[in-house]
Amino acid sequence: MNQPAIETLDYALAGTRPAGAFAPVLVGVVGSGNLEVLLEPAPGSDCRVHIETSARGFAPIWAAVVRDFHNRHQLAGVQLSIHDMGATPAVVSLRLDQAAQELQP
């Protein structure tokens, strides 16, 4: 049985810092060893994260990176979509922080 080439992971974390209205933010480029992050407004008070990654079997590492990002930013009312082609956790954190920085006044 063939496994799908892409692994999908989803997280929902309760946020405390409402992002409010903003234009969608796109950072990074999907390519060999990199990823893109799309940050969009979403209803509710959660920070929802949807990940599509070519690097299968790294769910615990993804969970840690997402938790670390959320602990730093506590965003609420946002949807993060991550398309990954094997980026390291440091690059993932950098791209997530870049997206969150775009929300700063």
N, C-alpha and C. Protein backbone atom coordinates (compact mmCIF):
# COMPACT_ATOMS: atom_id res chain seq x y z
N MET A 1 0.85 -1.18 0.00
CA MET A 1 0.00 0.00 0.00
C MET A 1 0.89 1.24 0.00
N ASN A 2 0.65 2.13 -0.92
CA ASN A 2 1.43 3.38 -1.01
C ASN A 2 0.88 4.42 -0.06
N GLN A 3 1.78 5.10 0.64
CA GLN A 3 1.38 6.21 1.49
C GLN A 3 1.33 7.47 0.66
N PRO A 4 0.42 8.40 0.99
CA PRO A 4 0.37 9.66 0.26
C PRO A 4 1.70 10.41 0.41
N ALA A 5 2.05 11.18 -0.60
CA ALA A 5 3.30 11.92 -0.58
C ALA A 5 3.25 13.09 0.39
N ILE A 6 2.08 13.58 0.70
CA ILE A 6 1.92 14.75 1.57
C ILE A 6 1.24 14.33 2.87
N GLU A 7 1.79 14.79 3.99
CA GLU A 7 1.14 14.58 5.29
C GLU A 7 0.43 15.86 5.66
N THR A 8 -0.77 15.73 6.21
CA THR A 8 -1.57 16.88 6.61
C THR A 8 -1.75 16.86 8.12
N LEU A 9 -1.50 18.01 8.74
CA LEU A 9 -1.64 18.15 10.19
C LEU A 9 -2.49 19.39 10.47
N ASP A 10 -3.34 19.33 11.49
CA ASP A 10 -4.18 20.47 11.85
C ASP A 10 -4.14 20.68 13.36
N TYR A 11 -4.07 21.96 13.74
CA TYR A 11 -4.04 22.34 15.15
C TYR A 11 -4.99 23.51 15.35
N ALA A 12 -5.58 23.60 16.53
CA ALA A 12 -6.40 24.74 16.92
C ALA A 12 -5.99 25.11 18.34
N LEU A 13 -5.56 26.35 18.51
CA LEU A 13 -5.10 26.82 19.82
C LEU A 13 -5.88 28.07 20.20
N ALA A 14 -6.33 28.14 21.44
CA ALA A 14 -7.08 29.31 21.90
C ALA A 14 -6.15 30.50 22.00
N GLY A 15 -6.50 31.57 21.30
CA GLY A 15 -5.67 32.77 21.31
C GLY A 15 -6.19 33.82 22.26
N THR A 16 -5.32 34.72 22.65
CA THR A 16 -5.70 35.81 23.56
C THR A 16 -5.46 37.18 22.94
N ARG A 17 -4.84 37.24 21.77
CA ARG A 17 -4.56 38.52 21.12
C ARG A 17 -5.27 38.56 19.77
N PRO A 18 -6.49 39.13 19.73
CA PRO A 18 -7.23 39.18 18.47
C PRO A 18 -6.44 39.94 17.40
N ALA A 19 -6.35 39.35 16.23
CA ALA A 19 -5.60 39.97 15.14
C ALA A 19 -6.41 41.07 14.46
N GLY A 20 -7.75 41.00 14.56
CA GLY A 20 -8.59 42.00 13.90
C GLY A 20 -8.58 41.80 12.39
N ALA A 21 -9.04 42.83 11.68
CA ALA A 21 -9.10 42.76 10.22
C ALA A 21 -7.72 43.05 9.63
N PHE A 22 -7.32 42.26 8.65
CA PHE A 22 -6.05 42.48 7.96
C PHE A 22 -6.09 41.78 6.62
N ALA A 23 -5.28 42.26 5.70
CA ALA A 23 -5.16 41.60 4.40
C ALA A 23 -4.34 40.33 4.58
N PRO A 24 -4.64 39.27 3.83
CA PRO A 24 -3.85 38.05 3.95
C PRO A 24 -2.36 38.33 3.76
N VAL A 25 -1.54 37.59 4.49
CA VAL A 25 -0.08 37.75 4.47
C VAL A 25 0.52 36.44 3.96
N LEU A 26 1.42 36.55 2.98
CA LEU A 26 2.12 35.39 2.45
C LEU A 26 3.62 35.63 2.59
N VAL A 27 4.31 34.69 3.24
CA VAL A 27 5.77 34.77 3.37
C VAL A 27 6.38 33.44 2.96
N GLY A 28 7.59 33.50 2.42
CA GLY A 28 8.30 32.30 2.02
C GLY A 28 7.91 31.85 0.63
N VAL A 29 8.63 30.86 0.15
CA VAL A 29 8.41 30.29 -1.17
C VAL A 29 8.52 28.78 -1.05
N VAL A 30 7.54 28.08 -1.59
CA VAL A 30 7.62 26.62 -1.58
C VAL A 30 8.67 26.22 -2.61
N GLY A 31 9.59 25.43 -2.20
CA GLY A 31 10.64 24.94 -3.07
C GLY A 31 11.45 23.91 -2.31
N SER A 32 12.51 23.46 -2.88
CA SER A 32 13.33 22.45 -2.25
C SER A 32 13.84 22.96 -0.91
N GLY A 33 13.41 22.33 0.16
CA GLY A 33 13.89 22.67 1.50
C GLY A 33 13.31 23.94 2.07
N ASN A 34 12.18 24.43 1.57
CA ASN A 34 11.60 25.65 2.10
C ASN A 34 10.10 25.49 2.25
N LEU A 35 9.44 26.57 2.61
CA LEU A 35 8.00 26.53 2.81
C LEU A 35 7.39 27.90 2.64
N GLU A 36 6.08 27.93 2.49
CA GLU A 36 5.36 29.19 2.50
C GLU A 36 4.34 29.15 3.62
N VAL A 37 4.06 30.34 4.16
CA VAL A 37 3.08 30.50 5.22
C VAL A 37 2.08 31.55 4.76
N LEU A 38 0.80 31.18 4.78
CA LEU A 38 -0.28 32.11 4.49
C LEU A 38 -1.03 32.36 5.78
N LEU A 39 -1.13 33.63 6.16
CA LEU A 39 -1.83 34.03 7.38
C LEU A 39 -3.06 34.82 6.96
N GLU A 40 -4.25 34.34 7.40
CA GLU A 40 -5.50 34.97 7.02
C GLU A 40 -6.38 35.19 8.25
N PRO A 41 -7.25 36.19 8.18
CA PRO A 41 -8.23 36.34 9.27
C PRO A 41 -9.20 35.16 9.25
N ALA A 42 -9.69 34.79 10.42
CA ALA A 42 -10.64 33.70 10.54
C ALA A 42 -11.63 34.02 11.66
N PRO A 43 -12.85 33.52 11.54
CA PRO A 43 -13.82 33.77 12.61
C PRO A 43 -13.42 33.05 13.90
N GLY A 44 -13.87 33.58 15.01
CA GLY A 44 -13.62 32.93 16.29
C GLY A 44 -12.37 33.44 16.97
N SER A 45 -12.01 32.77 18.05
CA SER A 45 -10.87 33.22 18.85
C SER A 45 -9.72 32.23 18.84
N ASP A 46 -9.75 31.30 17.90
CA ASP A 46 -8.67 30.33 17.81
C ASP A 46 -7.60 30.78 16.82
N CYS A 47 -6.43 30.21 17.00
CA CYS A 47 -5.37 30.27 16.01
C CYS A 47 -5.36 28.87 15.40
N ARG A 48 -5.87 28.78 14.17
CA ARG A 48 -5.93 27.47 13.50
C ARG A 48 -4.72 27.35 12.58
N VAL A 49 -4.12 26.18 12.58
CA VAL A 49 -2.92 25.93 11.77
C VAL A 49 -3.18 24.67 10.94
N HIS A 50 -3.02 24.82 9.62
CA HIS A 50 -3.16 23.69 8.69
C HIS A 50 -1.82 23.53 8.00
N ILE A 51 -1.25 22.33 8.09
CA ILE A 51 0.08 22.06 7.53
C ILE A 51 -0.03 20.97 6.49
N GLU A 52 0.58 21.20 5.35
CA GLU A 52 0.76 20.17 4.33
C GLU A 52 2.26 20.07 4.12
N THR A 53 2.83 18.90 4.41
CA THR A 53 4.27 18.73 4.38
C THR A 53 4.68 17.47 3.62
N SER A 54 5.79 17.58 2.92
CA SER A 54 6.34 16.43 2.23
C SER A 54 7.19 15.57 3.18
N ALA A 55 7.51 16.10 4.35
CA ALA A 55 8.34 15.38 5.34
C ALA A 55 7.41 14.63 6.29
N ARG A 56 7.14 13.39 5.98
CA ARG A 56 6.21 12.58 6.77
C ARG A 56 6.87 12.11 8.08
N GLY A 57 6.03 11.97 9.12
CA GLY A 57 6.49 11.38 10.36
C GLY A 57 7.07 12.35 11.38
N PHE A 58 6.89 13.63 11.16
CA PHE A 58 7.46 14.62 12.07
C PHE A 58 6.39 15.37 12.87
N ALA A 59 5.24 14.75 13.09
CA ALA A 59 4.14 15.42 13.81
C ALA A 59 4.56 15.96 15.18
N PRO A 60 5.34 15.23 15.99
CA PRO A 60 5.73 15.80 17.29
C PRO A 60 6.58 17.07 17.15
N ILE A 61 7.41 17.12 16.15
CA ILE A 61 8.23 18.33 15.94
C ILE A 61 7.36 19.48 15.48
N TRP A 62 6.44 19.20 14.55
CA TRP A 62 5.50 20.24 14.11
C TRP A 62 4.70 20.78 15.29
N ALA A 63 4.20 19.89 16.14
CA ALA A 63 3.42 20.30 17.30
C ALA A 63 4.24 21.22 18.20
N ALA A 64 5.50 20.90 18.40
CA ALA A 64 6.37 21.74 19.25
C ALA A 64 6.61 23.10 18.62
N VAL A 65 6.83 23.15 17.31
CA VAL A 65 7.07 24.43 16.63
C VAL A 65 5.81 25.29 16.67
N VAL A 66 4.65 24.69 16.43
CA VAL A 66 3.39 25.44 16.46
C VAL A 66 3.13 25.95 17.87
N ARG A 67 3.34 25.10 18.88
CA ARG A 67 3.15 25.52 20.28
C ARG A 67 4.07 26.68 20.64
N ASP A 68 5.34 26.58 20.24
CA ASP A 68 6.31 27.63 20.52
C ASP A 68 5.88 28.95 19.88
N PHE A 69 5.47 28.91 18.62
CA PHE A 69 4.97 30.11 17.93
C PHE A 69 3.78 30.70 18.68
N HIS A 70 2.84 29.83 19.04
CA HIS A 70 1.63 30.32 19.70
C HIS A 70 1.95 30.90 21.08
N ASN A 71 2.87 30.32 21.80
CA ASN A 71 3.27 30.87 23.10
C ASN A 71 3.86 32.26 22.95
N ARG A 72 4.57 32.51 21.85
CA ARG A 72 5.17 33.83 21.63
C ARG A 72 4.15 34.88 21.19
N HIS A 73 3.17 34.49 20.37
CA HIS A 73 2.31 35.48 19.73
C HIS A 73 0.86 35.46 20.20
N GLN A 74 0.33 34.33 20.66
CA GLN A 74 -1.03 34.23 21.20
C GLN A 74 -2.10 34.81 20.27
N LEU A 75 -1.93 34.66 18.96
CA LEU A 75 -2.87 35.22 18.00
C LEU A 75 -4.23 34.55 18.11
N ALA A 76 -5.27 35.34 17.92
CA ALA A 76 -6.65 34.85 17.93
C ALA A 76 -7.33 35.31 16.65
N GLY A 77 -8.23 34.49 16.14
CA GLY A 77 -8.98 34.83 14.94
C GLY A 77 -8.13 34.78 13.68
N VAL A 78 -7.24 33.79 13.61
CA VAL A 78 -6.38 33.65 12.43
C VAL A 78 -6.33 32.21 11.95
N GLN A 79 -6.04 32.06 10.68
CA GLN A 79 -5.80 30.77 10.05
C GLN A 79 -4.41 30.83 9.42
N LEU A 80 -3.55 29.92 9.83
CA LEU A 80 -2.23 29.78 9.23
C LEU A 80 -2.24 28.53 8.35
N SER A 81 -1.86 28.70 7.10
CA SER A 81 -1.72 27.57 6.18
C SER A 81 -0.25 27.46 5.82
N ILE A 82 0.32 26.31 6.06
CA ILE A 82 1.74 26.08 5.81
C ILE A 82 1.88 25.00 4.74
N HIS A 83 2.63 25.34 3.69
CA HIS A 83 2.95 24.37 2.63
C HIS A 83 4.46 24.16 2.70
N ASP A 84 4.86 22.96 3.10
CA ASP A 84 6.25 22.68 3.42
C ASP A 84 6.86 21.66 2.45
N MET A 85 8.11 21.93 2.09
CA MET A 85 8.86 20.99 1.26
C MET A 85 10.15 20.57 1.98
N GLY A 86 10.08 20.38 3.31
CA GLY A 86 11.21 19.87 4.07
C GLY A 86 12.03 20.92 4.79
N ALA A 87 11.42 22.06 5.13
CA ALA A 87 12.14 23.10 5.86
C ALA A 87 12.50 22.63 7.26
N THR A 88 13.60 23.15 7.78
CA THR A 88 14.00 22.84 9.16
C THR A 88 13.10 23.57 10.14
N PRO A 89 13.01 23.10 11.39
CA PRO A 89 12.21 23.81 12.39
C PRO A 89 12.60 25.28 12.54
N ALA A 90 13.88 25.60 12.42
CA ALA A 90 14.31 27.00 12.53
C ALA A 90 13.73 27.85 11.41
N VAL A 91 13.70 27.32 10.20
CA VAL A 91 13.13 28.06 9.07
C VAL A 91 11.62 28.20 9.25
N VAL A 92 10.96 27.17 9.73
CA VAL A 92 9.53 27.24 9.98
C VAL A 92 9.25 28.35 10.98
N SER A 93 9.98 28.38 12.08
CA SER A 93 9.79 29.42 13.11
C SER A 93 10.03 30.81 12.54
N LEU A 94 11.07 30.95 11.73
CA LEU A 94 11.36 32.23 11.11
C LEU A 94 10.20 32.70 10.24
N ARG A 95 9.68 31.83 9.39
CA ARG A 95 8.57 32.20 8.50
C ARG A 95 7.30 32.53 9.31
N LEU A 96 7.01 31.76 10.34
CA LEU A 96 5.86 32.06 11.18
C LEU A 96 6.00 33.43 11.84
N ASP A 97 7.18 33.72 12.37
CA ASP A 97 7.42 35.02 13.00
C ASP A 97 7.32 36.15 11.98
N GLN A 98 7.82 35.92 10.75
CA GLN A 98 7.71 36.93 9.70
C GLN A 98 6.24 37.25 9.41
N ALA A 99 5.41 36.22 9.32
CA ALA A 99 4.00 36.44 9.06
C ALA A 99 3.35 37.23 10.20
N ALA A 100 3.63 36.84 11.44
CA ALA A 100 3.06 37.54 12.60
C ALA A 100 3.54 38.99 12.65
N GLN A 101 4.79 39.23 12.27
CA GLN A 101 5.34 40.59 12.28
C GLN A 101 4.56 41.52 11.35
N GLU A 102 4.02 40.96 10.26
CA GLU A 102 3.24 41.77 9.32
C GLU A 102 1.98 42.35 9.95
N LEU A 103 1.54 41.78 11.07
CA LEU A 103 0.34 42.27 11.75
C LEU A 103 0.63 43.42 12.69
N GLN A 104 1.91 43.70 12.93
CA GLN A 104 2.29 44.77 13.85
C GLN A 104 2.02 46.13 13.18
N PRO A 105 1.55 47.11 13.97
CA PRO A 105 1.29 48.44 13.39
C PRO A 105 2.56 49.14 12.95
